Amino acid sequence: MMKRHWKVGDLAKLTGLTVRTLRFYDQIGLFSPSGQTESGHRLYNELDLSRLQQILSLKELGLPLEEIKSVLSGGQISPLEILSLQINQINEQIKLQQKLLEQLRHVSKLMQGKAELSVEDFTSLLQAMKMEFEKPVIERQASWERHLDLLGDFLAEESGIPKHKEEKQ
């Protein structure tokens, strides 16, 4: 089977990242192409794509680029574990969306059942929606923190490093 290669522009289109971001990742040694063309253009292969997927997953989980770099270079977390974290995260999001959907359906029934809604009905509806929209943000942050704590514990165990590094004097 022939291996596919992507130039930086193709990879940008494929991933929705900018060429500038990809170049920056290369500069900081986070994500570099495996090869280059005769004229010196970056060439990425399927293994590179797999690494980029891991980088973007960890970034989505809220890890800073420097940490992502050390996590991946130390091989401390497997691609499968990164996927599991992402699957859990999306399941959380789905639950939140379903809650919001139920809330909106409930409000919709209320509106259909009445000939006219009072100002109070509208204000309580707006408050319910406001609450419902703020809640996912707060819950998602809490959920990220749980994931990152788990990831932190896991990495600390794997590397035998105490969880909280001392501040350097």
Protein backbone atom coordinates (compact mmCIF):
# COMPACT_ATOMS: atom_id res chain seq x y z
CA MET A 1 0.00 0.00 0.00
CA MET A 2 1.39 3.39 -0.93
CA LYS A 3 1.90 5.84 1.89
CA ARG A 4 0.18 9.18 1.46
CA HIS A 5 1.95 12.44 2.05
CA TRP A 6 0.53 15.87 2.70
CA LYS A 7 2.09 19.29 2.20
CA VAL A 8 1.56 21.86 4.93
CA GLY A 9 -1.24 23.59 2.98
CA ASP A 10 -3.11 20.32 2.44
CA LEU A 11 -2.73 19.42 6.10
CA ALA A 12 -4.08 22.84 7.08
CA LYS A 13 -7.15 22.31 4.87
CA LEU A 14 -7.61 18.79 6.23
CA THR A 15 -7.44 19.80 9.90
CA GLY A 16 -8.82 23.34 9.87
CA LEU A 17 -5.58 24.59 11.43
CA THR A 18 -3.71 27.45 9.85
CA VAL A 19 -0.39 26.98 8.08
CA ARG A 20 0.98 29.43 10.61
CA THR A 21 -0.10 27.22 13.53
CA LEU A 22 1.48 24.15 11.92
CA ARG A 23 4.72 26.06 11.36
CA PHE A 24 4.64 27.22 14.98
CA TYR A 25 4.15 23.64 16.22
CA ASP A 26 7.20 22.71 14.13
CA GLN A 27 9.26 25.61 15.54
CA ILE A 28 8.59 24.62 19.16
CA GLY A 29 9.35 20.97 18.37
CA LEU A 30 5.80 19.79 19.15
CA PHE A 31 4.88 18.56 15.70
CA SER A 32 7.39 18.32 12.88
CA PRO A 33 7.00 16.81 9.42
CA SER A 34 8.67 13.45 8.73
CA GLY A 35 10.00 14.54 5.38
CA GLN A 36 10.38 17.31 2.88
CA THR A 37 10.22 17.79 -0.85
CA GLU A 38 13.34 18.42 -2.93
CA SER A 39 12.52 22.12 -2.78
CA GLY A 40 12.38 21.99 1.03
CA HIS A 41 8.61 22.02 1.59
CA ARG A 42 7.32 20.17 4.66
CA LEU A 43 5.84 16.72 3.98
CA TYR A 44 3.63 14.96 6.53
CA ASN A 45 2.76 11.25 6.51
CA GLU A 46 0.08 9.11 8.21
CA LEU A 47 2.11 8.73 11.41
CA ASP A 48 2.37 12.50 11.58
CA LEU A 49 -1.42 12.73 11.23
CA SER A 50 -1.85 10.31 14.11
CA ARG A 51 0.42 12.44 16.30
CA LEU A 52 -1.44 15.59 15.32
CA GLN A 53 -4.73 13.93 16.30
CA GLN A 54 -3.27 13.20 19.75
CA ILE A 55 -1.98 16.76 20.10
CA LEU A 56 -5.37 18.24 19.21
CA SER A 57 -7.18 15.84 21.57
CA LEU A 58 -4.95 16.81 24.49
CA LYS A 59 -5.28 20.48 23.59
CA GLU A 60 -9.06 20.08 23.63
CA LEU A 61 -8.77 18.57 27.12
CA GLY A 62 -7.14 21.82 28.18
CA LEU A 63 -3.47 20.88 28.38
CA PRO A 64 -0.95 23.62 27.53
CA LEU A 65 1.32 22.94 24.53
CA GLU A 66 4.45 22.47 26.67
CA GLU A 67 2.73 19.75 28.73
CA ILE A 68 1.39 18.08 25.59
CA LYS A 69 4.94 18.02 24.26
CA SER A 70 6.32 16.31 27.36
CA VAL A 71 3.39 13.89 27.62
CA LEU A 72 3.86 12.75 24.02
CA SER A 73 7.65 12.71 24.00
CA GLY A 74 7.76 10.67 27.20
CA GLY A 75 5.26 8.23 25.75
CA GLN A 76 3.55 8.48 29.14
CA ILE A 77 0.07 8.22 27.73
CA SER A 78 -1.03 5.97 24.90
CA PRO A 79 -3.09 7.10 21.90
CA LEU A 80 -5.83 4.79 23.20
CA GLU A 81 -5.92 6.56 26.57
CA ILE A 82 -6.13 9.93 24.83
CA LEU A 83 -9.08 8.62 22.80
CA SER A 84 -10.80 7.34 25.96
CA LEU A 85 -10.46 10.75 27.58
CA GLN A 86 -11.96 12.33 24.48
CA ILE A 87 -14.83 9.81 24.34
CA ASN A 88 -15.69 10.54 28.00
CA GLN A 89 -15.58 14.24 27.31
CA ILE A 90 -17.96 13.98 24.34
CA ASN A 91 -20.33 11.76 26.35
CA GLU A 92 -20.48 14.51 28.99
CA GLN A 93 -21.26 17.08 26.30
CA ILE A 94 -24.03 14.88 24.87
CA LYS A 95 -25.63 14.54 28.32
CA LEU A 96 -25.57 18.32 28.75
CA GLN A 97 -27.10 18.87 25.31
CA GLN A 98 -29.86 16.35 26.09
CA LYS A 99 -30.66 18.17 29.35
CA LEU A 100 -30.94 21.44 27.47
CA LEU A 101 -33.15 19.81 24.84
CA GLU A 102 -35.53 18.49 27.52
CA GLN A 103 -35.69 21.93 29.12
CA LEU A 104 -36.51 23.60 25.79
CA ARG A 105 -39.17 20.97 24.95
CA HIS A 106 -40.75 21.55 28.34
CA VAL A 107 -40.85 25.30 27.75
CA SER A 108 -42.22 24.73 24.25
CA LYS A 109 -45.10 22.64 25.70
CA LEU A 110 -45.84 25.39 28.20
CA MET A 111 -46.00 27.95 25.40
CA GLN A 112 -48.27 25.74 23.26
CA GLY A 113 -50.61 25.11 26.18
CA LYS A 114 -51.38 28.77 26.83
CA ALA A 115 -53.19 31.22 24.63
CA GLU A 116 -50.99 34.05 25.80
CA LEU A 117 -47.82 34.12 27.85
CA SER A 118 -47.41 36.81 30.47
CA VAL A 119 -44.29 38.90 30.95
CA GLU A 120 -43.55 36.71 33.99
CA ASP A 121 -43.69 33.58 31.83
CA PHE A 122 -41.16 35.06 29.44
CA THR A 123 -38.83 36.26 32.19
CA SER A 124 -38.87 32.86 33.87
CA LEU A 125 -38.26 31.22 30.50
CA LEU A 126 -35.30 33.51 29.82
CA GLN A 127 -33.89 32.79 33.26
CA ALA A 128 -34.27 29.05 32.74
CA MET A 129 -32.46 29.31 29.43
CA LYS A 130 -29.73 31.52 30.86
CA MET A 131 -29.19 29.00 33.66
CA GLU A 132 -29.21 26.16 31.19
CA PHE A 133 -26.60 27.86 28.99
CA GLU A 134 -24.32 28.80 31.88
CA LYS A 135 -24.52 25.41 33.54
CA PRO A 136 -22.81 23.45 30.76
CA VAL A 137 -19.89 25.86 30.82
CA ILE A 138 -19.44 25.42 34.58
CA GLU A 139 -20.04 21.67 34.40
CA ARG A 140 -17.69 21.32 31.46
CA GLN A 141 -14.95 23.17 33.35
CA ALA A 142 -15.48 20.87 36.34
CA SER A 143 -15.40 17.87 34.02
CA TRP A 144 -12.14 19.08 32.39
CA GLU A 145 -10.63 19.53 35.85
CA ARG A 146 -11.60 15.96 36.77
CA HIS A 147 -10.06 14.65 33.54
CA LEU A 148 -6.89 16.66 34.03
CA ASP A 149 -6.58 15.53 37.65
CA LEU A 150 -6.92 11.92 36.51
CA LEU A 151 -4.40 12.54 33.76
CA GLY A 152 -2.07 14.23 36.26
CA ASP A 153 -2.35 11.33 38.71
CA PHE A 154 -1.76 8.85 35.91
CA LEU A 155 1.30 10.68 34.61
CA ALA A 156 2.72 11.08 38.13
CA GLU A 157 2.35 7.33 38.75
CA GLU A 158 3.89 6.46 35.39
CA SER A 159 6.90 8.71 35.84
CA GLY A 160 7.28 8.38 39.60
CA ILE A 161 7.32 12.17 39.94
CA PRO A 162 5.47 13.71 42.91
CA LYS A 163 2.25 15.27 41.65
CA HIS A 164 2.97 18.90 42.50
CA LYS A 165 6.40 20.07 41.45
CA GLU A 166 8.09 22.42 43.94
CA GLU A 167 8.40 26.00 42.76
CA LYS A 168 11.95 26.64 41.64
CA GLN A 169 13.70 29.19 43.84
